[in-house]
Amino acid sequence: MTGLSQDQLRKTESVLVPIVTLSNEHLPQITQHLKDLSEHDRHLRFGYTATDEHINRYVQSLNFERDEIYGIFNTELEIIAMAHLAIIKKEGRESSSEFGVSVSAHARARGYGARLFDRAVIHARNEKVYQMYIHALSENAPMIKIARKGGARIERDGAETEAYLSLPKRDLDSRITEFVADQYAKTNYSIKEDAKRFWNFLAKVQEIRQGVRETRHQAAE
């Protein structure tokens, strides 16, 4: 793929990962994803060791109209990576945003965190939000690496690290990139839904057939 800059390559790769914009209908999957995180992973994601009750309160507080929440799904329609872009608007001040991400243990080392970060950046730009803030524990090396690669200014204060990223203004390229990403994700999700329904139907048919065989066998005895 000669002739493409590293930035263009990253954008292309981001589009090819189906990142779904989540809504209220995904609340059960969001809750399950977060509760499946280990104690240590919960600590890294929230800055404290979140209990199931903490997670329930966090999920219930999600504002899908104001913020953007993204998910990457497996073929079982389970969330294996998730990001939360919180939009912060204050009267008389430029809008800013805060980014947080979590990836299931079995789905790591695939670049999902970075892809979700790229997706959030594109959306923030298109919404005229040109400042992004990331708060992470200093031990959260993957998150800090993502922020640093994105060009963020890193400030470490002992156990905590803060990253500040200035985003370029939106342009035609950012709008097209988001449109393509959305359409691809919707199509991919629809295909996964259809496939899951088919396999569930097939499993039910096989279950019925097995029941018929057992009934016939018992009747023949």
C-alpha atoms as a PDB file:
ATOM      1  CA  MET A   1       0.000   0.000   0.000  1.00  0.00           C
ATOM      2  CA  THR A   2       2.570   2.520  -1.099  1.00  0.00           C
ATOM      3  CA  GLY A   3       1.737   6.181  -1.152  1.00  0.00           C
ATOM      4  CA  LEU A   4      -0.233   6.127   2.128  1.00  0.00           C
ATOM      5  CA  SER A   5       1.025   7.926   5.208  1.00  0.00           C
ATOM      6  CA  GLN A   6       1.071   6.215   8.603  1.00  0.00           C
ATOM      7  CA  ASP A   7      -1.884   8.382   9.645  1.00  0.00           C
ATOM      8  CA  GLN A   8      -3.893   7.284   6.605  1.00  0.00           C
ATOM      9  CA  LEU A   9      -3.034   3.653   7.248  1.00  0.00           C
ATOM     10  CA  ARG A  10      -4.316   3.930  10.814  1.00  0.00           C
ATOM     11  CA  LYS A  11      -7.565   5.467   9.601  1.00  0.00           C
ATOM     12  CA  THR A  12      -8.039   2.691   7.063  1.00  0.00           C
ATOM     13  CA  GLU A  13      -7.384  -0.010   9.649  1.00  0.00           C
ATOM     14  CA  SER A  14      -9.826   1.667  12.061  1.00  0.00           C
ATOM     15  CA  VAL A  15     -12.610   1.517   9.483  1.00  0.00           C
ATOM     16  CA  LEU A  16     -11.999  -2.191   8.911  1.00  0.00           C
ATOM     17  CA  VAL A  17     -12.658  -3.000  12.580  1.00  0.00           C
ATOM     18  CA  PRO A  18     -16.466  -3.027  13.083  1.00  0.00           C
ATOM     19  CA  ILE A  19     -16.982  -0.574  15.943  1.00  0.00           C
ATOM     20  CA  VAL A  20     -20.652  -0.255  16.884  1.00  0.00           C
ATOM     21  CA  THR A  21     -22.173   2.846  18.445  1.00  0.00           C
ATOM     22  CA  LEU A  22     -23.979   1.464  21.497  1.00  0.00           C
ATOM     23  CA  SER A  23     -27.415   2.410  22.791  1.00  0.00           C
ATOM     24  CA  ASN A  24     -29.803   1.509  25.614  1.00  0.00           C
ATOM     25  CA  GLU A  25     -30.586  -1.806  23.942  1.00  0.00           C
ATOM     26  CA  HIS A  26     -26.983  -2.895  24.557  1.00  0.00           C
ATOM     27  CA  LEU A  27     -27.097  -2.323  28.339  1.00  0.00           C
ATOM     28  CA  PRO A  28     -27.092  -6.076  29.177  1.00  0.00           C
ATOM     29  CA  GLN A  29     -23.985  -6.663  27.021  1.00  0.00           C
ATOM     30  CA  ILE A  30     -22.248  -3.596  28.463  1.00  0.00           C
ATOM     31  CA  THR A  31     -22.926  -4.781  32.008  1.00  0.00           C
ATOM     32  CA  GLN A  32     -21.743  -8.312  31.239  1.00  0.00           C
ATOM     33  CA  HIS A  33     -18.542  -7.089  29.587  1.00  0.00           C
ATOM     34  CA  LEU A  34     -17.596  -4.929  32.563  1.00  0.00           C
ATOM     35  CA  LYS A  35     -18.487  -7.573  35.145  1.00  0.00           C
ATOM     36  CA  ASP A  36     -16.383 -10.129  33.289  1.00  0.00           C
ATOM     37  CA  LEU A  37     -13.295  -7.961  33.842  1.00  0.00           C
ATOM     38  CA  SER A  38     -10.934  -9.252  36.500  1.00  0.00           C
ATOM     39  CA  GLU A  39     -10.464  -7.352  39.760  1.00  0.00           C
ATOM     40  CA  HIS A  40      -7.182  -5.907  38.471  1.00  0.00           C
ATOM     41  CA  ASP A  41      -8.723  -4.890  35.135  1.00  0.00           C
ATOM     42  CA  ARG A  42     -11.604  -3.166  36.913  1.00  0.00           C
ATOM     43  CA  HIS A  43      -9.031  -1.290  38.972  1.00  0.00           C
ATOM     44  CA  LEU A  44      -7.273  -0.086  35.818  1.00  0.00           C
ATOM     45  CA  ARG A  45     -10.501   0.870  34.035  1.00  0.00           C
ATOM     46  CA  PHE A  46     -12.176   2.794  36.850  1.00  0.00           C
ATOM     47  CA  GLY A  47      -9.216   3.818  38.997  1.00  0.00           C
ATOM     48  CA  TYR A  48     -10.527   1.707  41.862  1.00  0.00           C
ATOM     49  CA  THR A  49     -11.551  -1.908  42.314  1.00  0.00           C
ATOM     50  CA  ALA A  50     -15.145  -1.599  41.174  1.00  0.00           C
ATOM     51  CA  THR A  51     -17.632  -4.057  42.648  1.00  0.00           C
ATOM     52  CA  ASP A  52     -20.609  -5.394  40.697  1.00  0.00           C
ATOM     53  CA  GLU A  53     -22.738  -2.753  42.424  1.00  0.00           C
ATOM     54  CA  HIS A  54     -20.359   0.006  41.292  1.00  0.00           C
ATOM     55  CA  ILE A  55     -20.621  -1.310  37.742  1.00  0.00           C
ATOM     56  CA  ASN A  56     -24.423  -1.395  37.927  1.00  0.00           C
ATOM     57  CA  ARG A  57     -24.463   2.261  38.999  1.00  0.00           C
ATOM     58  CA  TYR A  58     -21.983   3.220  36.262  1.00  0.00           C
ATOM     59  CA  VAL A  59     -24.040   1.503  33.559  1.00  0.00           C
ATOM     60  CA  GLN A  60     -27.269   3.077  34.817  1.00  0.00           C
ATOM     61  CA  SER A  61     -25.625   6.521  34.650  1.00  0.00           C
ATOM     62  CA  LEU A  62     -24.593   6.232  30.986  1.00  0.00           C
ATOM     63  CA  ASN A  63     -25.983   9.083  28.920  1.00  0.00           C
ATOM     64  CA  PHE A  64     -26.351   7.846  25.349  1.00  0.00           C
ATOM     65  CA  GLU A  65     -27.733  11.159  24.119  1.00  0.00           C
ATOM     66  CA  ARG A  66     -24.770  13.222  25.326  1.00  0.00           C
ATOM     67  CA  ASP A  67     -21.888  10.738  25.142  1.00  0.00           C
ATOM     68  CA  GLU A  68     -20.691   8.159  22.663  1.00  0.00           C
ATOM     69  CA  ILE A  69     -20.206   4.572  23.817  1.00  0.00           C
ATOM     70  CA  TYR A  70     -18.594   2.150  21.396  1.00  0.00           C
ATOM     71  CA  GLY A  71     -18.334  -1.617  21.347  1.00  0.00           C
ATOM     72  CA  ILE A  72     -16.573  -4.344  19.396  1.00  0.00           C
ATOM     73  CA  PHE A  73     -18.569  -7.585  19.288  1.00  0.00           C
ATOM     74  CA  ASN A  74     -17.614 -11.200  18.708  1.00  0.00           C
ATOM     75  CA  THR A  75     -19.741 -13.616  16.672  1.00  0.00           C
ATOM     76  CA  GLU A  76     -21.853 -14.372  19.766  1.00  0.00           C
ATOM     77  CA  LEU A  77     -22.732 -10.669  19.963  1.00  0.00           C
ATOM     78  CA  GLU A  78     -20.778 -10.308  23.197  1.00  0.00           C
ATOM     79  CA  ILE A  79     -18.832  -7.099  23.745  1.00  0.00           C
ATOM     80  CA  ILE A  80     -15.097  -7.835  23.816  1.00  0.00           C
ATOM     81  CA  ALA A  81     -13.914  -4.210  23.802  1.00  0.00           C
ATOM     82  CA  MET A  82     -15.680  -1.031  24.812  1.00  0.00           C
ATOM     83  CA  ALA A  83     -14.954   2.684  24.970  1.00  0.00           C
ATOM     84  CA  HIS A  84     -16.733   5.622  26.563  1.00  0.00           C
ATOM     85  CA  LEU A  85     -16.275   9.110  25.136  1.00  0.00           C
ATOM     86  CA  ALA A  86     -17.804  11.523  27.626  1.00  0.00           C
ATOM     87  CA  ILE A  87     -18.607  14.924  26.118  1.00  0.00           C
ATOM     88  CA  ILE A  88     -18.084  17.827  28.539  1.00  0.00           C
ATOM     89  CA  LYS A  89     -19.838  21.080  27.710  1.00  0.00           C
ATOM     90  CA  LYS A  90     -19.674  24.153  29.945  1.00  0.00           C
ATOM     91  CA  GLU A  91     -21.213  27.539  29.354  1.00  0.00           C
ATOM     92  CA  GLY A  92     -18.697  29.989  27.901  1.00  0.00           C
ATOM     93  CA  ARG A  93     -15.982  27.378  27.408  1.00  0.00           C
ATOM     94  CA  GLU A  94     -14.921  25.163  24.531  1.00  0.00           C
ATOM     95  CA  SER A  95     -16.309  21.636  24.664  1.00  0.00           C
ATOM     96  CA  SER A  96     -13.933  18.894  25.755  1.00  0.00           C
ATOM     97  CA  SER A  97     -14.114  15.126  26.166  1.00  0.00           C
ATOM     98  CA  GLU A  98     -12.837  12.287  28.333  1.00  0.00           C
ATOM     99  CA  PHE A  99     -11.947   8.847  27.002  1.00  0.00           C
ATOM    100  CA  GLY A 100     -11.958   5.490  28.770  1.00  0.00           C
ATOM    101  CA  VAL A 101     -11.584   1.974  27.382  1.00  0.00           C
ATOM    102  CA  SER A 102     -11.696  -1.673  28.444  1.00  0.00           C
ATOM    103  CA  VAL A 103     -10.801  -4.833  26.527  1.00  0.00           C
ATOM    104  CA  SER A 104     -11.623  -8.408  27.540  1.00  0.00           C
ATOM    105  CA  ALA A 105      -8.532 -10.389  28.558  1.00  0.00           C
ATOM    106  CA  HIS A 106      -8.896 -12.936  25.736  1.00  0.00           C
ATOM    107  CA  ALA A 107      -9.188 -10.191  23.098  1.00  0.00           C
ATOM    108  CA  ARG A 108      -6.031  -8.252  23.866  1.00  0.00           C
ATOM    109  CA  ALA A 109      -2.977  -7.681  21.667  1.00  0.00           C
ATOM    110  CA  ARG A 110      -5.239  -7.071  18.660  1.00  0.00           C
ATOM    111  CA  GLY A 111      -5.082  -3.290  18.776  1.00  0.00           C
ATOM    112  CA  TYR A 112      -8.718  -2.878  19.793  1.00  0.00           C
ATOM    113  CA  GLY A 113      -7.958  -0.173  22.358  1.00  0.00           C
ATOM    114  CA  ALA A 114      -6.144   1.916  19.764  1.00  0.00           C
ATOM    115  CA  ARG A 115      -8.921   1.389  17.207  1.00  0.00           C
ATOM    116  CA  LEU A 116     -11.547   2.552  19.706  1.00  0.00           C
ATOM    117  CA  PHE A 117      -9.401   5.569  20.506  1.00  0.00           C
ATOM    118  CA  ASP A 118      -9.149   6.469  16.809  1.00  0.00           C
ATOM    119  CA  ARG A 119     -12.919   6.084  16.445  1.00  0.00           C
ATOM    120  CA  ALA A 120     -13.571   8.357  19.423  1.00  0.00           C
ATOM    121  CA  VAL A 121     -11.165  10.993  18.090  1.00  0.00           C
ATOM    122  CA  ILE A 122     -12.966  11.094  14.730  1.00  0.00           C
ATOM    123  CA  HIS A 123     -16.337  11.555  16.419  1.00  0.00           C
ATOM    124  CA  ALA A 124     -15.059  14.242  18.786  1.00  0.00           C
ATOM    125  CA  ARG A 125     -13.639  16.194  15.856  1.00  0.00           C
ATOM    126  CA  ASN A 126     -16.872  15.949  13.907  1.00  0.00           C
ATOM    127  CA  GLU A 127     -18.784  17.226  16.946  1.00  0.00           C
ATOM    128  CA  LYS A 128     -16.396  20.212  17.153  1.00  0.00           C
ATOM    129  CA  VAL A 129     -14.823  18.898  20.336  1.00  0.00           C
ATOM    130  CA  TYR A 130     -11.119  19.580  19.970  1.00  0.00           C
ATOM    131  CA  GLN A 131      -9.806  18.659  23.409  1.00  0.00           C
ATOM    132  CA  MET A 132      -9.576  15.127  24.793  1.00  0.00           C
ATOM    133  CA  TYR A 133      -8.606  14.179  28.326  1.00  0.00           C
ATOM    134  CA  ILE A 134      -7.545  10.771  29.601  1.00  0.00           C
ATOM    135  CA  HIS A 135      -7.109   9.927  33.265  1.00  0.00           C
ATOM    136  CA  ALA A 136      -5.312   6.661  33.955  1.00  0.00           C
ATOM    137  CA  LEU A 137      -3.383   4.941  36.676  1.00  0.00           C
ATOM    138  CA  SER A 138       0.332   5.169  35.969  1.00  0.00           C
ATOM    139  CA  GLU A 139       0.510   1.377  35.901  1.00  0.00           C
ATOM    140  CA  ASN A 140      -1.950   1.297  32.996  1.00  0.00           C
ATOM    141  CA  ALA A 141       0.799   1.142  30.373  1.00  0.00           C
ATOM    142  CA  PRO A 142      -1.452   0.205  27.396  1.00  0.00           C
ATOM    143  CA  MET A 143      -3.710   3.234  27.949  1.00  0.00           C
ATOM    144  CA  ILE A 144      -0.771   5.606  28.341  1.00  0.00           C
ATOM    145  CA  LYS A 145       0.841   4.146  25.211  1.00  0.00           C
ATOM    146  CA  ILE A 146      -2.342   4.777  23.206  1.00  0.00           C
ATOM    147  CA  ALA A 147      -2.501   8.383  24.429  1.00  0.00           C
ATOM    148  CA  ARG A 148       1.177   8.999  23.704  1.00  0.00           C
ATOM    149  CA  LYS A 149       0.914   7.560  20.176  1.00  0.00           C
ATOM    150  CA  GLY A 150      -2.072   9.824  19.615  1.00  0.00           C
ATOM    151  CA  GLY A 151       0.114  12.840  20.364  1.00  0.00           C
ATOM    152  CA  ALA A 152      -1.161  13.575  23.861  1.00  0.00           C
ATOM    153  CA  ARG A 153       0.771  15.585  26.421  1.00  0.00           C
ATOM    154  CA  ILE A 154       1.443  13.234  29.334  1.00  0.00           C
ATOM    155  CA  GLU A 155       1.627  14.421  32.937  1.00  0.00           C
ATOM    156  CA  ARG A 156       2.469  11.862  35.582  1.00  0.00           C
ATOM    157  CA  ASP A 157       1.825  12.471  39.263  1.00  0.00           C
ATOM    158  CA  GLY A 158       2.841   9.409  41.209  1.00  0.00           C
ATOM    159  CA  ALA A 159       0.242   6.658  40.887  1.00  0.00           C
ATOM    160  CA  GLU A 160      -1.885   8.671  38.459  1.00  0.00           C
ATOM    161  CA  THR A 161      -1.277   9.946  34.936  1.00  0.00           C
ATOM    162  CA  GLU A 162      -3.202  12.501  32.941  1.00  0.00           C
ATOM    163  CA  ALA A 163      -3.059  12.927  29.182  1.00  0.00           C
ATOM    164  CA  TYR A 164      -4.215  15.974  27.232  1.00  0.00           C
ATOM    165  CA  LEU A 165      -4.769  15.810  23.497  1.00  0.00           C
ATOM    166  CA  SER A 166      -5.572  18.680  21.141  1.00  0.00           C
ATOM    167  CA  LEU A 167      -7.555  17.472  18.134  1.00  0.00           C
ATOM    168  CA  PRO A 168      -7.477  18.927  14.633  1.00  0.00           C
ATOM    169  CA  LYS A 169     -10.631  20.532  13.329  1.00  0.00           C
ATOM    170  CA  ARG A 170     -13.142  18.438  11.439  1.00  0.00           C
ATOM    171  CA  ASP A 171     -12.883  18.227   7.685  1.00  0.00           C
ATOM    172  CA  LEU A 172     -14.366  16.280   4.797  1.00  0.00           C
ATOM    173  CA  ASP A 173     -12.012  13.369   5.448  1.00  0.00           C
ATOM    174  CA  SER A 174     -13.074  13.034   9.103  1.00  0.00           C
ATOM    175  CA  ARG A 175     -16.758  13.092   8.156  1.00  0.00           C
ATOM    176  CA  ILE A 176     -16.364  10.486   5.422  1.00  0.00           C
ATOM    177  CA  THR A 177     -14.270   8.294   7.733  1.00  0.00           C
ATOM    178  CA  GLU A 178     -16.981   8.332  10.401  1.00  0.00           C
ATOM    179  CA  PHE A 179     -19.739   7.669   7.874  1.00  0.00           C
ATOM    180  CA  VAL A 180     -17.885   4.642   6.428  1.00  0.00           C
ATOM    181  CA  ALA A 181     -17.082   3.339   9.908  1.00  0.00           C
ATOM    182  CA  ASP A 182     -20.738   3.590  10.983  1.00  0.00           C
ATOM    183  CA  GLN A 183     -22.091   1.882   7.864  1.00  0.00           C
ATOM    184  CA  TYR A 184     -19.557  -0.934   8.027  1.00  0.00           C
ATOM    185  CA  ALA A 185     -20.251  -1.529  11.724  1.00  0.00           C
ATOM    186  CA  LYS A 186     -24.035  -1.601  11.202  1.00  0.00           C
ATOM    187  CA  THR A 187     -23.721  -4.065   8.313  1.00  0.00           C
ATOM    188  CA  ASN A 188     -21.333  -6.291  10.233  1.00  0.00           C
ATOM    189  CA  TYR A 189     -23.570  -6.294  13.312  1.00  0.00           C
ATOM    190  CA  SER A 190     -26.622  -7.168  11.205  1.00  0.00           C
ATOM    191  CA  ILE A 191     -24.766 -10.098   9.637  1.00  0.00           C
ATOM    192  CA  LYS A 192     -23.739 -11.352  13.079  1.00  0.00           C
ATOM    193  CA  GLU A 193     -27.345 -11.063  14.286  1.00  0.00           C
ATOM    194  CA  ASP A 194     -28.604 -13.085  11.315  1.00  0.00           C
ATOM    195  CA  ALA A 195     -25.905 -15.717  11.785  1.00  0.00           C
ATOM    196  CA  LYS A 196     -26.659 -16.034  15.499  1.00  0.00           C
ATOM    197  CA  ARG A 197     -30.391 -16.437  14.806  1.00  0.00           C
ATOM    198  CA  PHE A 198     -29.639 -19.116  12.215  1.00  0.00           C
ATOM    199  CA  TRP A 199     -27.371 -21.134  14.503  1.00  0.00           C
ATOM    200  CA  ASN A 200     -29.839 -20.807  17.386  1.00  0.00           C
ATOM    201  CA  PHE A 201     -32.594 -22.062  15.086  1.00  0.00           C
ATOM    202  CA  LEU A 202     -30.424 -24.948  13.927  1.00  0.00           C
ATOM    203  CA  ALA A 203     -29.574 -25.860  17.509  1.00  0.00           C
ATOM    204  CA  LYS A 204     -33.280 -25.870  18.385  1.00  0.00           C
ATOM    205  CA  VAL A 205     -34.077 -28.130  15.402  1.00  0.00           C
ATOM    206  CA  GLN A 206     -31.344 -30.543  16.457  1.00  0.00           C
ATOM    207  CA  GLU A 207     -32.678 -30.487  20.004  1.00  0.00           C
ATOM    208  CA  ILE A 208     -36.177 -31.359  18.770  1.00  0.00           C
ATOM    209  CA  ARG A 209     -34.813 -34.164  16.582  1.00  0.00           C
ATOM    210  CA  GLN A 210     -32.866 -35.577  19.489  1.00  0.00           C
ATOM    211  CA  GLY A 211     -35.998 -35.484  21.630  1.00  0.00           C
ATOM    212  CA  VAL A 212     -37.970 -37.328  18.933  1.00  0.00           C
ATOM    213  CA  ARG A 213     -35.251 -40.007  18.665  1.00  0.00           C
ATOM    214  CA  GLU A 214     -35.219 -40.529  22.432  1.00  0.00           C
ATOM    215  CA  THR A 215     -39.030 -40.773  22.512  1.00  0.00           C
ATOM    216  CA  ARG A 216     -39.023 -43.378  19.726  1.00  0.00           C
ATOM    217  CA  HIS A 217     -36.287 -45.334  21.448  1.00  0.00           C
ATOM    218  CA  GLN A 218     -38.209 -45.372  24.736  1.00  0.00           C
ATOM    219  CA  ALA A 219     -41.394 -46.421  22.953  1.00  0.00           C
ATOM    220  CA  ALA A 220     -39.596 -49.328  21.287  1.00  0.00           C
ATOM    221  CA  GLU A 221     -38.350 -50.746  24.581  1.00  0.00           C
END
